[in-house]
Structures are given as structure tokens and as C-alpha cells.
C-alpha atoms as a PDB file:
ATOM      1  CA  MET A   1     -99.367 218.297 110.928  1.00  0.00           C
ATOM      2  CA  SER A   2     -96.144 219.199 112.727  1.00  0.00           C
ATOM      3  CA  ASN A   3     -96.089 219.861 116.466  1.00  0.00           C
ATOM      4  CA  TYR A   4     -92.847 221.829 116.163  1.00  0.00           C
ATOM      5  CA  SER A   5     -92.107 225.503 115.711  1.00  0.00           C
ATOM      6  CA  VAL A   6     -89.233 227.236 113.943  1.00  0.00           C
ATOM      7  CA  SER A   7     -87.546 227.851 117.304  1.00  0.00           C
ATOM      8  CA  ASP A   8     -87.762 224.119 118.047  1.00  0.00           C
ATOM      9  CA  THR A   9     -85.863 223.240 114.865  1.00  0.00           C
ATOM     10  CA  GLU A  10     -83.152 225.744 115.772  1.00  0.00           C
ATOM     11  CA  ASP A  11     -82.476 223.881 119.032  1.00  0.00           C
ATOM     12  CA  SER A  12     -79.260 222.004 118.193  1.00  0.00           C
ATOM     13  CA  SER A  13     -79.923 219.400 120.866  1.00  0.00           C
ATOM     14  CA  ARG A  14     -83.113 218.305 119.078  1.00  0.00           C
ATOM     15  CA  PHE A  15     -82.543 219.085 115.406  1.00  0.00           C
ATOM     16  CA  ARG A  16     -79.654 219.219 112.928  1.00  0.00           C
ATOM     17  CA  LEU A  17     -79.689 221.400 109.817  1.00  0.00           C
ATOM     18  CA  LEU A  18     -79.264 219.116 106.806  1.00  0.00           C
ATOM     19  CA  LEU A  19     -79.710 221.552 103.948  1.00  0.00           C
ATOM     20  CA  SER A  20     -80.629 225.127 103.186  1.00  0.00           C
ATOM     21  CA  ILE A  21     -81.649 226.148  99.665  1.00  0.00           C
ATOM     22  CA  PRO A  22     -81.791 229.765  98.524  1.00  0.00           C
ATOM     23  CA  TYR A  23     -84.689 230.181  96.122  1.00  0.00           C
ATOM     24  CA  ASN A  24     -82.314 231.505  93.473  1.00  0.00           C
ATOM     25  CA  ASP A  25     -80.518 228.138  93.568  1.00  0.00           C
ATOM     26  CA  LEU A  26     -83.581 225.897  93.364  1.00  0.00           C
ATOM     27  CA  LEU A  27     -82.802 224.799  89.813  1.00  0.00           C
ATOM     28  CA  SER A  28     -79.401 223.444  90.889  1.00  0.00           C
ATOM     29  CA  PHE A  29     -81.105 221.408  93.619  1.00  0.00           C
ATOM     30  CA  VAL A  30     -83.690 220.073  91.151  1.00  0.00           C
ATOM     31  CA  MET A  31     -81.067 219.097  88.576  1.00  0.00           C
ATOM     32  CA  GLU A  32     -78.984 217.351  91.239  1.00  0.00           C
ATOM     33  CA  TYR A  33     -81.789 215.252  92.663  1.00  0.00           C
ATOM     34  CA  ILE A  34     -83.553 214.254  89.440  1.00  0.00           C
ATOM     35  CA  ARG A  35     -80.235 212.702  88.403  1.00  0.00           C
ATOM     36  CA  LYS A  36     -79.928 210.585  91.562  1.00  0.00           C
ATOM     37  CA  LYS A  37     -81.225 207.056  90.938  1.00  0.00           C
ATOM     38  CA  SER A  38     -83.977 205.739  93.183  1.00  0.00           C
ATOM     39  CA  PRO A  39     -87.432 204.118  92.941  1.00  0.00           C
ATOM     40  CA  VAL A  40     -88.921 207.619  93.155  1.00  0.00           C
ATOM     41  CA  MET A  41     -87.100 208.777  90.042  1.00  0.00           C
ATOM     42  CA  ALA A  42     -87.796 205.451  88.324  1.00  0.00           C
ATOM     43  CA  ILE A  43     -91.515 206.180  88.792  1.00  0.00           C
ATOM     44  CA  PHE A  44     -91.056 209.715  87.447  1.00  0.00           C
ATOM     45  CA  TRP A  45     -89.141 208.721  84.322  1.00  0.00           C
ATOM     46  CA  ALA A  46     -91.350 205.677  83.690  1.00  0.00           C
ATOM     47  CA  SER A  47     -94.514 207.771  83.922  1.00  0.00           C
ATOM     48  CA  CYS A  48     -93.095 210.432  81.596  1.00  0.00           C
ATOM     49  CA  THR A  49     -92.142 207.714  79.095  1.00  0.00           C
ATOM     50  CA  PHE A  50     -95.536 206.020  79.388  1.00  0.00           C
ATOM     51  CA  PHE A  51     -97.405 209.300  78.904  1.00  0.00           C
ATOM     52  CA  MET A  52     -95.201 210.104  75.904  1.00  0.00           C
ATOM     53  CA  PHE A  53     -96.051 206.763  74.273  1.00  0.00           C
ATOM     54  CA  ILE A  54     -99.765 207.382  74.842  1.00  0.00           C
ATOM     55  CA  ALA A  55     -99.452 210.762  73.127  1.00  0.00           C
ATOM     56  CA  VAL A  56     -97.432 209.348  70.224  1.00  0.00           C
ATOM     57  CA  TYR A  57     -99.927 206.513  69.724  1.00  0.00           C
ATOM     58  CA  ILE A  58    -102.876 208.918  69.639  1.00  0.00           C
ATOM     59  CA  ARG A  59    -101.018 211.316  67.334  1.00  0.00           C
ATOM     60  CA  ILE A  60    -100.331 208.523  64.849  1.00  0.00           C
ATOM     61  CA  SER A  61    -103.909 207.252  65.055  1.00  0.00           C
ATOM     62  CA  ILE A  62    -105.386 210.626  64.051  1.00  0.00           C
ATOM     63  CA  SER A  63    -102.828 211.530  61.384  1.00  0.00           C
ATOM     64  CA  ASP A  64    -104.984 210.270  58.481  1.00  0.00           C
ATOM     65  CA  VAL A  65    -108.295 211.344  59.991  1.00  0.00           C
ATOM     66  CA  HIS A  66    -107.902 215.102  60.520  1.00  0.00           C
ATOM     67  CA  PRO A  67    -106.179 217.841  58.515  1.00  0.00           C
ATOM     68  CA  PHE A  68    -102.799 219.060  59.702  1.00  0.00           C
ATOM     69  CA  SER A  69    -104.203 222.478  60.651  1.00  0.00           C
ATOM     70  CA  GLU A  70    -106.560 220.932  63.229  1.00  0.00           C
ATOM     71  CA  ILE A  71    -103.863 218.635  64.592  1.00  0.00           C
ATOM     72  CA  PHE A  72    -101.441 221.570  64.846  1.00  0.00           C
ATOM     73  CA  LEU A  73    -104.016 223.632  66.755  1.00  0.00           C
ATOM     74  CA  HIS A  74    -104.517 220.848  69.281  1.00  0.00           C
ATOM     75  CA  SER A  75    -100.752 220.357  69.511  1.00  0.00           C
ATOM     76  CA  VAL A  76    -100.409 223.994  70.567  1.00  0.00           C
ATOM     77  CA  LEU A  77    -103.224 223.532  73.069  1.00  0.00           C
ATOM     78  CA  GLY A  78    -101.641 220.430  74.584  1.00  0.00           C
ATOM     79  CA  PHE A  79     -98.013 221.507  74.714  1.00  0.00           C
ATOM     80  CA  VAL A  80     -98.378 225.250  75.329  1.00  0.00           C
ATOM     81  CA  VAL A  81    -101.819 226.602  76.237  1.00  0.00           C
ATOM     82  CA  PHE A  82    -103.024 223.949  78.691  1.00  0.00           C
ATOM     83  CA  PRO A  83     -99.688 223.770  80.607  1.00  0.00           C
ATOM     84  CA  ILE A  84     -99.638 227.567  80.995  1.00  0.00           C
ATOM     85  CA  LEU A  85    -103.267 227.665  82.128  1.00  0.00           C
ATOM     86  CA  CYS A  86    -102.568 224.781  84.518  1.00  0.00           C
ATOM     87  CA  VAL A  87     -99.788 226.565  86.425  1.00  0.00           C
ATOM     88  CA  PRO A  88    -102.039 228.444  88.889  1.00  0.00           C
ATOM     89  CA  PHE A  89    -104.195 225.346  89.375  1.00  0.00           C
ATOM     90  CA  HIS A  90    -101.116 223.180  89.971  1.00  0.00           C
ATOM     91  CA  GLU A  91     -99.733 225.634  92.507  1.00  0.00           C
ATOM     92  CA  GLY A  92    -103.154 225.889  94.152  1.00  0.00           C
ATOM     93  CA  LEU A  93    -103.092 222.126  94.703  1.00  0.00           C
ATOM     94  CA  HIS A  94     -99.808 222.539  96.575  1.00  0.00           C
ATOM     95  CA  ILE A  95    -101.588 225.058  98.812  1.00  0.00           C
ATOM     96  CA  LEU A  96    -104.415 222.727  99.850  1.00  0.00           C
ATOM     97  CA  PRO A  97    -102.357 220.236 101.940  1.00  0.00           C
ATOM     98  CA  TYR A  98    -100.494 223.140 103.530  1.00  0.00           C
ATOM     99  CA  PHE A  99    -103.764 224.851 104.459  1.00  0.00           C
ATOM    100  CA  LEU A 100    -105.326 221.655 105.811  1.00  0.00           C
ATOM    101  CA  SER A 101    -102.271 221.126 108.034  1.00  0.00           C
ATOM    102  CA  GLY A 102    -102.676 224.549 109.611  1.00  0.00           C
ATOM    103  CA  ALA A 103    -100.438 226.837 107.517  1.00  0.00           C
ATOM    104  CA  ARG A 104    -101.945 230.239 106.819  1.00  0.00           C
ATOM    105  CA  ASN A 105     -99.151 232.509 105.575  1.00  0.00           C
ATOM    106  CA  ILE A 106     -98.932 230.726 102.220  1.00  0.00           C
ATOM    107  CA  ARG A 107     -97.344 232.446  99.244  1.00  0.00           C
ATOM    108  CA  ILE A 108     -96.904 231.679  95.548  1.00  0.00           C
ATOM    109  CA  GLY A 109     -93.774 232.849  93.782  1.00  0.00           C
ATOM    110  CA  MET A 110     -91.927 232.465  90.520  1.00  0.00           C
ATOM    111  CA  ASP A 111     -88.404 232.787  89.218  1.00  0.00           C
ATOM    112  CA  LEU A 112     -88.521 233.244  85.463  1.00  0.00           C
ATOM    113  CA  LYS A 113     -84.727 233.001  85.204  1.00  0.00           C
ATOM    114  CA  GLN A 114     -85.014 229.417  86.443  1.00  0.00           C
ATOM    115  CA  TYR A 115     -88.420 228.791  84.793  1.00  0.00           C
ATOM    116  CA  LEU A 116     -89.765 227.823  88.220  1.00  0.00           C
ATOM    117  CA  PHE A 117     -92.979 228.444  90.135  1.00  0.00           C
ATOM    118  CA  TYR A 118     -93.230 227.562  93.808  1.00  0.00           C
ATOM    119  CA  VAL A 119     -95.507 227.608  96.837  1.00  0.00           C
ATOM    120  CA  THR A 120     -94.136 228.377 100.267  1.00  0.00           C
ATOM    121  CA  ALA A 121     -95.660 228.460 103.750  1.00  0.00           C
ATOM    122  CA  HIS A 122     -93.750 231.175 105.595  1.00  0.00           C
ATOM    123  CA  ARG A 123     -92.173 229.840 108.830  1.00  0.00           C
ATOM    124  CA  HIS A 124     -94.533 226.866 108.923  1.00  0.00           C
ATOM    125  CA  VAL A 125     -92.759 223.679 110.018  1.00  0.00           C
ATOM    126  CA  ALA A 126     -93.918 220.770 107.851  1.00  0.00           C
ATOM    127  CA  ALA A 127     -93.621 217.192 109.071  1.00  0.00           C
ATOM    128  CA  PRO A 128     -92.252 214.592 106.625  1.00  0.00           C
ATOM    129  CA  ARG A 129     -95.608 213.076 105.684  1.00  0.00           C
ATOM    130  CA  GLU A 130     -97.203 216.512 105.267  1.00  0.00           C
ATOM    131  CA  PHE A 131     -94.452 217.798 103.001  1.00  0.00           C
ATOM    132  CA  LYS A 132     -94.504 214.680 100.819  1.00  0.00           C
ATOM    133  CA  MET A 133     -98.236 215.212 100.334  1.00  0.00           C
ATOM    134  CA  VAL A 134     -97.650 218.869  99.431  1.00  0.00           C
ATOM    135  CA  ALA A 135     -95.092 217.813  96.805  1.00  0.00           C
ATOM    136  CA  ALA A 136     -97.014 214.891  95.284  1.00  0.00           C
ATOM    137  CA  PHE A 137    -100.641 216.059  95.334  1.00  0.00           C
ATOM    138  CA  PRO A 138    -100.751 218.127  92.078  1.00  0.00           C
ATOM    139  CA  TYR A 139     -99.018 215.413  90.040  1.00  0.00           C
ATOM    140  CA  GLN A 140    -101.385 212.742  91.304  1.00  0.00           C
ATOM    141  CA  LEU A 141    -104.650 214.640  90.886  1.00  0.00           C
ATOM    142  CA  ILE A 142    -103.900 216.314  87.545  1.00  0.00           C
ATOM    143  CA  SER A 143    -102.523 213.100  86.025  1.00  0.00           C
ATOM    144  CA  VAL A 144    -105.644 211.155  86.997  1.00  0.00           C
ATOM    145  CA  ALA A 145    -107.918 213.909  85.626  1.00  0.00           C
ATOM    146  CA  ALA A 146    -105.985 214.138  82.346  1.00  0.00           C
ATOM    147  CA  ILE A 147    -106.003 210.357  81.867  1.00  0.00           C
ATOM    148  CA  PHE A 148    -109.772 210.357  82.387  1.00  0.00           C
ATOM    149  CA  LEU A 149    -110.179 213.040  79.708  1.00  0.00           C
ATOM    150  CA  VAL A 150    -107.905 211.177  77.289  1.00  0.00           C
ATOM    151  CA  PHE A 151    -110.099 208.110  77.586  1.00  0.00           C
ATOM    152  CA  PHE A 152    -113.460 209.812  77.183  1.00  0.00           C
ATOM    153  CA  LEU A 153    -112.994 212.813  74.863  1.00  0.00           C
ATOM    154  CA  PRO A 154    -113.136 212.754  71.014  1.00  0.00           C
ATOM    155  CA  ASP A 155    -109.900 211.957  69.195  1.00  0.00           C
ATOM    156  CA  LEU A 156    -108.546 215.480  68.591  1.00  0.00           C
ATOM    157  CA  TRP A 157    -109.077 216.297  72.250  1.00  0.00           C
ATOM    158  CA  LYS A 158    -107.513 212.962  73.170  1.00  0.00           C
ATOM    159  CA  TRP A 159    -104.411 214.212  71.380  1.00  0.00           C
ATOM    160  CA  SER A 160    -104.298 217.619  73.054  1.00  0.00           C
ATOM    161  CA  PHE A 161    -104.892 216.206  76.534  1.00  0.00           C
ATOM    162  CA  SER A 162    -102.418 213.356  76.045  1.00  0.00           C
ATOM    163  CA  ALA A 163     -99.843 215.978  75.031  1.00  0.00           C
ATOM    164  CA  PHE A 164    -100.770 217.966  78.134  1.00  0.00           C
ATOM    165  CA  LEU A 165    -100.515 214.823  80.294  1.00  0.00           C
ATOM    166  CA  PHE A 166     -96.915 214.359  79.152  1.00  0.00           C
ATOM    167  CA  ALA A 167     -96.047 218.066  79.396  1.00  0.00           C
ATOM    168  CA  HIS A 168     -97.466 218.355  82.915  1.00  0.00           C
ATOM    169  CA  ALA A 169     -95.543 215.293  84.095  1.00  0.00           C
ATOM    170  CA  THR A 170     -92.278 216.882  82.970  1.00  0.00           C
ATOM    171  CA  MET A 171     -93.299 220.090  84.768  1.00  0.00           C
ATOM    172  CA  CYS A 172     -93.369 218.087  88.017  1.00  0.00           C
ATOM    173  CA  ALA A 173     -89.597 217.452  87.967  1.00  0.00           C
ATOM    174  CA  GLY A 174     -89.075 219.855  90.888  1.00  0.00           C
ATOM    175  CA  ASP A 175     -91.695 218.090  92.984  1.00  0.00           C
ATOM    176  CA  PHE A 176     -90.071 214.714  92.305  1.00  0.00           C
ATOM    177  CA  ALA A 177     -86.631 216.124  93.135  1.00  0.00           C
ATOM    178  CA  LEU A 178     -87.957 217.021  96.597  1.00  0.00           C
ATOM    179  CA  LEU A 179     -89.572 213.609  96.986  1.00  0.00           C
ATOM    180  CA  ASN A 180     -86.293 212.015  95.948  1.00  0.00           C
ATOM    181  CA  PHE A 181     -84.403 214.046  98.540  1.00  0.00           C
ATOM    182  CA  TYR A 182     -86.729 212.657 101.197  1.00  0.00           C
ATOM    183  CA  TYR A 183     -86.419 209.119  99.835  1.00  0.00           C
ATOM    184  CA  LEU A 184     -82.620 209.199  99.746  1.00  0.00           C
ATOM    185  CA  ASN A 185     -82.700 210.403 103.358  1.00  0.00           C
ATOM    186  CA  ARG A 186     -85.449 208.003 104.394  1.00  0.00           C
ATOM    187  CA  ASP A 187     -83.479 206.931 107.459  1.00  0.00           C
ATOM    188  CA  LYS A 188     -83.999 210.448 108.834  1.00  0.00           C
ATOM    189  CA  GLN A 189     -87.057 212.337 110.081  1.00  0.00           C
ATOM    190  CA  ILE A 190     -86.848 215.534 108.039  1.00  0.00           C
ATOM    191  CA  TYR A 191     -88.800 218.635 109.010  1.00  0.00           C
ATOM    192  CA  THR A 192     -88.786 221.655 106.748  1.00  0.00           C
ATOM    193  CA  TRP A 193     -89.789 225.294 106.793  1.00  0.00           C
ATOM    194  CA  ASP A 194     -89.284 228.330 104.581  1.00  0.00           C
ATOM    195  CA  ASP A 195     -88.418 231.926 105.264  1.00  0.00           C
ATOM    196  CA  ALA A 196     -90.311 233.512 102.397  1.00  0.00           C
ATOM    197  CA  ASP A 197     -88.917 236.953 103.228  1.00  0.00           C
ATOM    198  CA  LYS A 198     -85.324 235.741 102.978  1.00  0.00           C
ATOM    199  CA  LYS A 199     -86.323 233.403 100.113  1.00  0.00           C
ATOM    200  CA  GLU A 200     -84.681 230.343 101.613  1.00  0.00           C
ATOM    201  CA  ALA A 201     -85.829 226.819 102.499  1.00  0.00           C
ATOM    202  CA  TYR A 202     -84.451 224.804 105.412  1.00  0.00           C
ATOM    203  CA  PHE A 203     -84.462 221.043 106.004  1.00  0.00           C
ATOM    204  CA  TYR A 204     -83.752 219.725 109.499  1.00  0.00           C
ATOM    205  CA  GLU A 205     -83.188 216.203 110.787  1.00  0.00           C
ATOM    206  CA  LYS A 206     -84.950 215.427 114.060  1.00  0.00           C
ATOM    207  CA  LEU A 207     -82.398 213.893 116.393  1.00  0.00           C
ATOM    208  CA  ALA A 208     -83.226 210.758 118.366  1.00  0.00           C
END
């Protein structure tokens, strides 16, 4: 939980503005930071690859056991239906760490032109550890739950949930881009807040 207010971050003797991101330019930020090499992105790409191999292995293993029509139905479930249904749950998991840290004016938004959904806490200053938790929590919890289901459900459902596991991981690219931004600036204490009315996010470095 941050002990700072928006007015504190605007004090140039204590904080320096590192970056401001208009919501309509979020995709550019995501594309920039998922391309920057770091251990954070290595984890992201490795997990996506690992989840893909799990899905491919299961798909091959059921190819001679079930008719194509059943496999196709579960493919649609895994790659389309479950990811769509998961969006509000995923965004809700972003809300939980914000709420527990004291934020109350929390909003969910979307930009269909950029194919992005986002959660913002209006004028709530998030400390570095808090914001990293906000970004990482949905990926961690949903991945663990999906892996559990892949292990314990019957084979057709293994396929659909392994497909979902991979699809959801790729949907977390924006979250990993933010985590990568923090990692690449790990020598700085970065505090962030959003103006949801202006649709802009601000990242400030706390000065020594």
C-alpha cells in the first residue's frame, strides 16, 4: 500500500515523471515492452511455449480416440468460448489487489480497436510491489487453476482446458509488458496512478 497521494507525486523535488501512457496508445506500449529482452519476458515466452506443447501433446493423444466433431467442439471451447468468458474474471482478479491496498474508485474499461481490456484505480497511487501484484495475479491464479483441470479432467476436457491455458497466457501479454517495464527500471522506485477520466496512466520515479 502506498503512503503517497497524487499531489505528492507531482512534487518535482520528490518525484520525477518517467512515462505517461494515453489509454489509446496502450497497444504501442505493450508491443514495445514485450519485445525487450529480460528474464521477465523469458518467463512469459517460455510459459507460452510450454503450454502450447502441452496442448499439442494432448491434441495428438486424443486424435484417434474421439471423432473430429467432438474435438472441434472442444477446440472452439478452449480457444474461443473459455477465453471470452474468462475476461471479466481475469479483470476481476486485477481488482482484488487494488481493493485490498485501499483503492475504491476502481473501473474496468475496454478498447476494442486495440483488442484490450484494462482495470484502473482512479487517482490511486500504487507502490511498486502493489502494482506488480495487480499485474501478475490473474496470470498466476488462472494458470494454476487451468493446469489443475488439465491434470484431472477427462481427455476431451483436458484438450479444451489446455487450449485455454495457452490462449489465456497469450492474453496476458499486456500484464507482462508492464512487469517488464518495472524490471527494466528495477534500479528505480516507480509509483503509478491513473486518471481514468482523462484516460491516461502515469509512472513516477521516487527521488532519493
